[in-house]
Amino acid sequence: MNRGNKRLVFVIIMDATRPDHLSLFGSKRDTTPNLIKHLSNSLIFRNAYSTTSWTPGAHASIISGLYLHQHGCYGDSFDLKPGIQYLPKILT
């Protein structure tokens, strides 16, 4: 999607969702009609790997591109280390 000279980026994360239950990935039930409607200009990763099974740490890795020990969001810490570049900062 283009608004003037700016592009919109949507990162959709579906935590704990079974792909075999989504029409997007071949389920016979129409479970994801709105996602399918917007796929013509989209990038879909069918094979994705996570840095951890823990949601906050995994999301921090997604938005920073770093491993847990690099961004610092692991254990009982929900904060990124100071100075870490992450997707919303990079795109603005």
N, C-alpha and C. Protein backbone atom coordinates (compact mmCIF):
# COMPACT_ATOMS: atom_id res chain seq x y z
N MET A 1 0.85 -1.16 0.00
CA MET A 1 0.00 0.00 0.00
C MET A 1 0.90 1.23 0.00
N ASN A 2 0.57 2.22 -0.82
CA ASN A 2 1.39 3.40 -0.94
C ASN A 2 0.57 4.64 -0.63
N ARG A 3 1.03 5.46 0.28
CA ARG A 3 0.40 6.73 0.61
C ARG A 3 1.40 7.83 0.31
N GLY A 4 1.30 8.40 -0.90
CA GLY A 4 2.29 9.39 -1.29
C GLY A 4 3.63 8.71 -1.46
N ASN A 5 4.63 9.20 -0.76
CA ASN A 5 5.95 8.59 -0.85
C ASN A 5 6.25 7.67 0.33
N LYS A 6 5.23 7.37 1.14
CA LYS A 6 5.41 6.48 2.28
C LYS A 6 4.76 5.14 2.01
N ARG A 7 5.36 4.10 2.52
CA ARG A 7 4.80 2.75 2.42
C ARG A 7 4.40 2.30 3.81
N LEU A 8 3.31 1.55 3.86
CA LEU A 8 2.86 0.98 5.13
C LEU A 8 3.40 -0.44 5.25
N VAL A 9 3.84 -0.78 6.44
CA VAL A 9 4.34 -2.13 6.70
C VAL A 9 3.50 -2.71 7.83
N PHE A 10 2.92 -3.86 7.57
CA PHE A 10 2.16 -4.59 8.58
C PHE A 10 2.90 -5.88 8.86
N VAL A 11 3.16 -6.13 10.10
CA VAL A 11 3.74 -7.41 10.52
C VAL A 11 2.65 -8.11 11.31
N ILE A 12 2.16 -9.20 10.77
CA ILE A 12 1.08 -9.95 11.42
C ILE A 12 1.70 -11.18 12.06
N ILE A 13 1.56 -11.27 13.36
CA ILE A 13 2.10 -12.41 14.10
C ILE A 13 0.91 -13.15 14.70
N MET A 14 0.78 -14.40 14.38
CA MET A 14 -0.33 -15.20 14.89
C MET A 14 0.26 -16.26 15.81
N ASP A 15 0.36 -15.91 17.07
CA ASP A 15 0.97 -16.76 18.08
C ASP A 15 0.04 -17.92 18.42
N ALA A 16 0.56 -19.12 18.49
CA ALA A 16 -0.19 -20.31 18.87
C ALA A 16 -1.36 -20.59 17.93
N THR A 17 -1.15 -20.35 16.64
CA THR A 17 -2.17 -20.61 15.63
C THR A 17 -1.71 -21.78 14.77
N ARG A 18 -2.59 -22.74 14.59
CA ARG A 18 -2.24 -23.89 13.77
C ARG A 18 -2.45 -23.57 12.30
N PRO A 19 -1.40 -23.64 11.49
CA PRO A 19 -1.53 -23.31 10.07
C PRO A 19 -2.52 -24.21 9.33
N ASP A 20 -2.64 -25.46 9.75
CA ASP A 20 -3.56 -26.37 9.06
C ASP A 20 -5.03 -26.00 9.31
N HIS A 21 -5.30 -25.05 10.19
CA HIS A 21 -6.66 -24.57 10.43
C HIS A 21 -6.93 -23.25 9.73
N LEU A 22 -6.01 -22.79 8.92
CA LEU A 22 -6.17 -21.51 8.23
C LEU A 22 -6.34 -21.74 6.73
N SER A 23 -7.36 -21.12 6.15
CA SER A 23 -7.55 -21.25 4.71
C SER A 23 -6.37 -20.65 3.96
N LEU A 24 -5.70 -19.71 4.55
CA LEU A 24 -4.49 -19.12 3.98
C LEU A 24 -3.46 -20.19 3.65
N PHE A 25 -3.41 -21.25 4.44
CA PHE A 25 -2.45 -22.33 4.24
C PHE A 25 -3.11 -23.63 3.79
N GLY A 26 -4.29 -23.52 3.20
CA GLY A 26 -4.89 -24.68 2.56
C GLY A 26 -6.05 -25.36 3.26
N SER A 27 -6.49 -24.88 4.43
CA SER A 27 -7.65 -25.48 5.08
C SER A 27 -8.88 -25.31 4.19
N LYS A 28 -9.74 -26.29 4.14
CA LYS A 28 -10.96 -26.22 3.32
C LYS A 28 -11.97 -25.22 3.89
N ARG A 29 -11.92 -24.95 5.19
CA ARG A 29 -12.80 -23.95 5.81
C ARG A 29 -12.26 -22.55 5.50
N ASP A 30 -13.15 -21.61 5.24
CA ASP A 30 -12.77 -20.24 4.91
C ASP A 30 -12.52 -19.46 6.20
N THR A 31 -11.35 -19.65 6.80
CA THR A 31 -11.06 -19.07 8.11
C THR A 31 -10.29 -17.76 8.03
N THR A 32 -9.67 -17.46 6.89
CA THR A 32 -8.85 -16.25 6.79
C THR A 32 -9.17 -15.44 5.52
N PRO A 33 -10.45 -15.12 5.28
CA PRO A 33 -10.79 -14.43 4.04
C PRO A 33 -10.18 -13.03 3.93
N ASN A 34 -10.08 -12.30 5.02
CA ASN A 34 -9.52 -10.95 4.95
C ASN A 34 -8.02 -10.96 4.71
N LEU A 35 -7.32 -11.92 5.28
CA LEU A 35 -5.89 -12.03 4.99
C LEU A 35 -5.67 -12.38 3.52
N ILE A 36 -6.41 -13.32 3.01
CA ILE A 36 -6.27 -13.73 1.62
C ILE A 36 -6.56 -12.57 0.68
N LYS A 37 -7.52 -11.73 1.03
CA LYS A 37 -7.91 -10.59 0.21
C LYS A 37 -6.74 -9.62 0.01
N HIS A 38 -5.83 -9.54 0.95
CA HIS A 38 -4.75 -8.57 0.90
C HIS A 38 -3.39 -9.18 0.52
N LEU A 39 -3.39 -10.37 -0.04
CA LEU A 39 -2.13 -11.07 -0.31
C LEU A 39 -1.46 -10.71 -1.63
N SER A 40 -2.12 -10.03 -2.53
CA SER A 40 -1.56 -9.83 -3.86
C SER A 40 -0.22 -9.10 -3.83
N ASN A 41 -0.02 -8.20 -2.89
CA ASN A 41 1.24 -7.46 -2.77
C ASN A 41 1.94 -7.78 -1.46
N SER A 42 1.80 -8.99 -0.99
CA SER A 42 2.33 -9.35 0.32
C SER A 42 3.42 -10.40 0.22
N LEU A 43 4.16 -10.49 1.29
CA LEU A 43 5.20 -11.49 1.43
C LEU A 43 4.79 -12.41 2.57
N ILE A 44 4.72 -13.70 2.31
CA ILE A 44 4.32 -14.68 3.32
C ILE A 44 5.47 -15.65 3.52
N PHE A 45 5.81 -15.86 4.78
CA PHE A 45 6.85 -16.83 5.11
C PHE A 45 6.19 -18.12 5.52
N ARG A 46 6.37 -19.16 4.75
CA ARG A 46 5.75 -20.45 5.05
C ARG A 46 6.61 -21.29 5.99
N ASN A 47 7.89 -21.04 6.03
CA ASN A 47 8.81 -21.72 6.94
C ASN A 47 9.47 -20.65 7.80
N ALA A 48 9.09 -20.58 9.03
CA ALA A 48 9.65 -19.58 9.93
C ALA A 48 10.19 -20.28 11.17
N TYR A 49 11.24 -19.72 11.72
CA TYR A 49 11.87 -20.28 12.90
C TYR A 49 11.97 -19.20 13.96
N SER A 50 11.85 -19.58 15.19
CA SER A 50 11.88 -18.63 16.29
C SER A 50 13.15 -18.78 17.11
N THR A 51 13.55 -17.68 17.73
CA THR A 51 14.71 -17.72 18.61
C THR A 51 14.37 -18.35 19.96
N THR A 52 13.07 -18.41 20.29
CA THR A 52 12.63 -18.95 21.57
C THR A 52 11.14 -19.28 21.49
N SER A 53 10.67 -20.08 22.43
CA SER A 53 9.24 -20.36 22.51
C SER A 53 8.51 -19.34 23.37
N TRP A 54 9.24 -18.44 23.99
CA TRP A 54 8.69 -17.43 24.88
C TRP A 54 8.29 -16.21 24.05
N THR A 55 7.01 -15.84 24.08
CA THR A 55 6.47 -14.81 23.19
C THR A 55 7.21 -13.47 23.29
N PRO A 56 7.41 -12.87 24.46
CA PRO A 56 8.09 -11.56 24.47
C PRO A 56 9.49 -11.59 23.85
N GLY A 57 10.26 -12.61 24.16
CA GLY A 57 11.60 -12.72 23.59
C GLY A 57 11.57 -12.93 22.08
N ALA A 58 10.63 -13.75 21.62
CA ALA A 58 10.50 -14.01 20.18
C ALA A 58 10.09 -12.75 19.45
N HIS A 59 9.15 -11.99 20.00
CA HIS A 59 8.72 -10.74 19.36
C HIS A 59 9.85 -9.72 19.35
N ALA A 60 10.63 -9.65 20.42
CA ALA A 60 11.77 -8.74 20.44
C ALA A 60 12.77 -9.11 19.35
N SER A 61 12.96 -10.40 19.11
CA SER A 61 13.85 -10.83 18.04
C SER A 61 13.28 -10.48 16.67
N ILE A 62 12.00 -10.61 16.50
CA ILE A 62 11.36 -10.27 15.22
C ILE A 62 11.56 -8.79 14.90
N ILE A 63 11.33 -7.92 15.88
CA ILE A 63 11.41 -6.49 15.59
C ILE A 63 12.83 -5.94 15.62
N SER A 64 13.78 -6.70 16.16
CA SER A 64 15.16 -6.21 16.21
C SER A 64 16.10 -6.96 15.28
N GLY A 65 15.73 -8.21 14.92
CA GLY A 65 16.62 -9.02 14.11
C GLY A 65 17.79 -9.60 14.89
N LEU A 66 17.67 -9.60 16.21
CA LEU A 66 18.77 -10.05 17.07
C LEU A 66 18.38 -11.28 17.88
N TYR A 67 19.40 -11.96 18.39
CA TYR A 67 19.18 -13.07 19.30
C TYR A 67 18.90 -12.54 20.71
N LEU A 68 18.37 -13.41 21.57
CA LEU A 68 18.01 -13.02 22.93
C LEU A 68 19.16 -12.36 23.68
N HIS A 69 20.32 -12.97 23.66
CA HIS A 69 21.45 -12.41 24.40
C HIS A 69 21.90 -11.06 23.85
N GLN A 70 21.52 -10.76 22.61
CA GLN A 70 21.90 -9.48 22.02
C GLN A 70 20.92 -8.36 22.37
N HIS A 71 19.60 -8.66 22.36
CA HIS A 71 18.63 -7.61 22.66
C HIS A 71 18.25 -7.54 24.13
N GLY A 72 18.47 -8.61 24.88
CA GLY A 72 18.29 -8.58 26.33
C GLY A 72 16.90 -8.88 26.84
N CYS A 73 15.96 -9.22 25.98
CA CYS A 73 14.59 -9.51 26.41
C CYS A 73 14.47 -11.02 26.63
N TYR A 74 14.84 -11.47 27.82
CA TYR A 74 14.71 -12.88 28.18
C TYR A 74 14.63 -13.00 29.69
N GLY A 75 14.32 -14.17 30.17
CA GLY A 75 14.14 -14.36 31.61
C GLY A 75 12.98 -13.53 32.10
N ASP A 76 13.22 -12.72 33.11
CA ASP A 76 12.13 -11.88 33.64
C ASP A 76 12.21 -10.45 33.10
N SER A 77 13.05 -10.22 32.09
CA SER A 77 13.21 -8.89 31.51
C SER A 77 12.35 -8.76 30.25
N PHE A 78 11.56 -7.69 30.19
CA PHE A 78 10.73 -7.43 29.03
C PHE A 78 11.27 -6.23 28.24
N ASP A 79 12.41 -5.71 28.63
CA ASP A 79 12.96 -4.51 28.00
C ASP A 79 14.13 -4.84 27.10
N LEU A 80 14.21 -4.11 25.99
CA LEU A 80 15.38 -4.23 25.13
C LEU A 80 16.53 -3.46 25.75
N LYS A 81 17.75 -3.93 25.48
CA LYS A 81 18.94 -3.22 25.97
C LYS A 81 18.94 -1.81 25.38
N PRO A 82 19.49 -0.83 26.10
CA PRO A 82 19.58 0.53 25.56
C PRO A 82 20.35 0.57 24.24
N GLY A 83 19.88 1.38 23.32
CA GLY A 83 20.57 1.56 22.05
C GLY A 83 20.23 0.55 20.98
N ILE A 84 19.39 -0.44 21.28
CA ILE A 84 19.01 -1.44 20.28
C ILE A 84 18.12 -0.79 19.22
N GLN A 85 18.49 -0.97 17.96
CA GLN A 85 17.65 -0.50 16.87
C GLN A 85 16.57 -1.54 16.64
N TYR A 86 15.34 -1.10 16.48
CA TYR A 86 14.25 -2.03 16.22
C TYR A 86 13.36 -1.47 15.12
N LEU A 87 12.56 -2.33 14.53
CA LEU A 87 11.82 -2.03 13.31
C LEU A 87 11.05 -0.71 13.33
N PRO A 88 10.23 -0.40 14.35
CA PRO A 88 9.52 0.87 14.31
C PRO A 88 10.45 2.09 14.26
N LYS A 89 11.59 2.02 14.95
CA LYS A 89 12.55 3.13 14.92
C LYS A 89 13.22 3.23 13.56
N ILE A 90 13.56 2.10 12.98
CA ILE A 90 14.26 2.08 11.70
C ILE A 90 13.36 2.61 10.58
N LEU A 91 12.07 2.30 10.62
CA LEU A 91 11.15 2.69 9.56
C LEU A 91 10.67 4.12 9.65
N THR A 92 10.95 4.82 10.77
CA THR A 92 10.49 6.21 10.88
C THR A 92 11.57 7.18 10.47
